Amino acid sequence: MSSAADAQSQILALLAERDPGKTICPSDAARALDPTGFLALMPTVRDAARELVAKGQIEVTQGGEPVELDSAHGPIRLRLVQPQGPE
């Protein structure tokens, strides 16, 4: 079984392959960790995403807008937090 650290690494690796601002589905990370048993990994991936959000590395979105993971209902997406340029 994959750990939360494995899931965090997988989320970040998949996002690193995407263009800036692009997202992944949490199930993409779970499938990359275990293609046949990915459903059992979904809670682990969500926990990993929660930790990455707390670290400021990713954000959770719905309809392209940031949302709180724990209050989101329905499908979510994950994306890297974009560095803020000088204002």
C-alpha atoms as a PDB file:
ATOM      1  CA  MET A   1       0.000   0.000   0.000  1.00  0.00           C
ATOM      2  CA  SER A   2       1.277   3.460  -0.856  1.00  0.00           C
ATOM      3  CA  SER A   3       1.869   6.028   1.857  1.00  0.00           C
ATOM      4  CA  ALA A   4       0.819   9.674   2.021  1.00  0.00           C
ATOM      5  CA  ALA A   5       4.438  10.591   1.197  1.00  0.00           C
ATOM      6  CA  ASP A   6       4.256   8.415  -1.934  1.00  0.00           C
ATOM      7  CA  ALA A   7       0.998  10.097  -2.890  1.00  0.00           C
ATOM      8  CA  GLN A   8       2.445  13.581  -2.317  1.00  0.00           C
ATOM      9  CA  SER A   9       5.424  12.746  -4.512  1.00  0.00           C
ATOM     10  CA  GLN A  10       3.144  11.388  -7.227  1.00  0.00           C
ATOM     11  CA  ILE A  11       0.863  14.437  -7.161  1.00  0.00           C
ATOM     12  CA  LEU A  12       3.843  16.776  -7.478  1.00  0.00           C
ATOM     13  CA  ALA A  13       5.448  14.661 -10.209  1.00  0.00           C
ATOM     14  CA  LEU A  14       2.280  14.633 -12.307  1.00  0.00           C
ATOM     15  CA  LEU A  15       1.771  18.369 -11.876  1.00  0.00           C
ATOM     16  CA  ALA A  16       5.402  19.029 -12.832  1.00  0.00           C
ATOM     17  CA  GLU A  17       4.678  17.350 -16.180  1.00  0.00           C
ATOM     18  CA  ARG A  18       1.795  19.740 -16.877  1.00  0.00           C
ATOM     19  CA  ASP A  19       1.980  23.264 -18.216  1.00  0.00           C
ATOM     20  CA  PRO A  20       1.752  26.007 -15.565  1.00  0.00           C
ATOM     21  CA  GLY A  21      -1.791  26.413 -14.285  1.00  0.00           C
ATOM     22  CA  LYS A  22      -2.922  23.006 -15.542  1.00  0.00           C
ATOM     23  CA  THR A  23      -4.554  20.522 -13.200  1.00  0.00           C
ATOM     24  CA  ILE A  24      -4.787  16.837 -12.446  1.00  0.00           C
ATOM     25  CA  CYS A  25      -7.576  14.777 -10.987  1.00  0.00           C
ATOM     26  CA  PRO A  26      -6.703  13.144  -7.658  1.00  0.00           C
ATOM     27  CA  SER A  27      -7.504   9.808  -9.299  1.00  0.00           C
ATOM     28  CA  ASP A  28      -4.627  10.405 -11.754  1.00  0.00           C
ATOM     29  CA  ALA A  29      -2.202  10.189  -8.829  1.00  0.00           C
ATOM     30  CA  ALA A  30      -3.967   7.163  -7.350  1.00  0.00           C
ATOM     31  CA  ARG A  31      -3.924   5.367 -10.728  1.00  0.00           C
ATOM     32  CA  ALA A  32      -0.222   6.133 -11.172  1.00  0.00           C
ATOM     33  CA  LEU A  33       0.465   4.532  -7.789  1.00  0.00           C
ATOM     34  CA  ASP A  34      -1.735   1.455  -8.376  1.00  0.00           C
ATOM     35  CA  PRO A  35      -3.621   1.144 -11.676  1.00  0.00           C
ATOM     36  CA  THR A  36      -5.839  -1.701 -10.491  1.00  0.00           C
ATOM     37  CA  GLY A  37      -6.331  -0.743  -6.846  1.00  0.00           C
ATOM     38  CA  PHE A  38      -6.539   3.015  -7.235  1.00  0.00           C
ATOM     39  CA  LEU A  39      -9.965   3.398  -5.614  1.00  0.00           C
ATOM     40  CA  ALA A  40      -8.611   2.142  -2.294  1.00  0.00           C
ATOM     41  CA  LEU A  41      -5.893   4.829  -2.514  1.00  0.00           C
ATOM     42  CA  MET A  42      -8.254   7.769  -2.967  1.00  0.00           C
ATOM     43  CA  PRO A  43      -8.438   8.605   0.775  1.00  0.00           C
ATOM     44  CA  THR A  44      -4.622   8.516   0.933  1.00  0.00           C
ATOM     45  CA  VAL A  45      -4.361  10.817  -2.090  1.00  0.00           C
ATOM     46  CA  ARG A  46      -6.891  13.249  -0.596  1.00  0.00           C
ATOM     47  CA  ASP A  47      -4.923  13.297   2.669  1.00  0.00           C
ATOM     48  CA  ALA A  48      -1.723  13.903   0.699  1.00  0.00           C
ATOM     49  CA  ALA A  49      -3.406  16.743  -1.193  1.00  0.00           C
ATOM     50  CA  ARG A  50      -4.587  18.231   2.112  1.00  0.00           C
ATOM     51  CA  GLU A  51      -0.987  18.227   3.389  1.00  0.00           C
ATOM     52  CA  LEU A  52       0.323  19.812   0.173  1.00  0.00           C
ATOM     53  CA  VAL A  53      -2.326  22.532   0.434  1.00  0.00           C
ATOM     54  CA  ALA A  54      -1.263  23.189   4.037  1.00  0.00           C
ATOM     55  CA  LYS A  55       2.344  23.526   2.833  1.00  0.00           C
ATOM     56  CA  GLY A  56       1.256  26.026   0.181  1.00  0.00           C
ATOM     57  CA  GLN A  57       2.417  23.839  -2.705  1.00  0.00           C
ATOM     58  CA  ILE A  58      -0.895  23.054  -4.404  1.00  0.00           C
ATOM     59  CA  GLU A  59      -4.473  24.261  -4.448  1.00  0.00           C
ATOM     60  CA  VAL A  60      -7.749  22.454  -4.904  1.00  0.00           C
ATOM     61  CA  THR A  61     -10.097  23.739  -7.591  1.00  0.00           C
ATOM     62  CA  GLN A  62     -13.605  23.246  -8.892  1.00  0.00           C
ATOM     63  CA  GLY A  63     -14.601  24.901 -12.124  1.00  0.00           C
ATOM     64  CA  GLY A  64     -11.158  26.490 -12.254  1.00  0.00           C
ATOM     65  CA  GLU A  65     -11.664  28.338  -8.956  1.00  0.00           C
ATOM     66  CA  PRO A  66      -9.834  27.574  -5.689  1.00  0.00           C
ATOM     67  CA  VAL A  67     -11.965  25.812  -3.073  1.00  0.00           C
ATOM     68  CA  GLU A  68     -11.445  24.320   0.370  1.00  0.00           C
ATOM     69  CA  LEU A  69     -10.874  20.579   0.046  1.00  0.00           C
ATOM     70  CA  ASP A  70     -12.989  19.674   3.058  1.00  0.00           C
ATOM     71  CA  SER A  71     -15.980  21.733   1.951  1.00  0.00           C
ATOM     72  CA  ALA A  72     -15.842  20.775  -1.728  1.00  0.00           C
ATOM     73  CA  HIS A  73     -18.674  18.619  -3.046  1.00  0.00           C
ATOM     74  CA  GLY A  74     -18.241  16.784  -6.319  1.00  0.00           C
ATOM     75  CA  PRO A  75     -15.206  16.446  -8.579  1.00  0.00           C
ATOM     76  CA  ILE A  76     -12.090  18.408  -7.672  1.00  0.00           C
ATOM     77  CA  ARG A  77      -8.836  19.136  -9.446  1.00  0.00           C
ATOM     78  CA  LEU A  78      -5.343  19.817  -8.110  1.00  0.00           C
ATOM     79  CA  ARG A  79      -2.876  22.404  -9.418  1.00  0.00           C
ATOM     80  CA  LEU A  80       0.444  23.838  -8.378  1.00  0.00           C
ATOM     81  CA  VAL A  81       0.323  27.196  -6.639  1.00  0.00           C
ATOM     82  CA  GLN A  82       1.733  29.735  -9.057  1.00  0.00           C
ATOM     83  CA  PRO A  83       4.441  32.000  -7.677  1.00  0.00           C
ATOM     84  CA  GLN A  84       3.347  35.583  -7.298  1.00  0.00           C
ATOM     85  CA  GLY A  85       5.400  38.075  -9.264  1.00  0.00           C
ATOM     86  CA  PRO A  86       6.373  41.502  -8.004  1.00  0.00           C
ATOM     87  CA  GLU A  87       3.463  43.903  -7.859  1.00  0.00           C
END
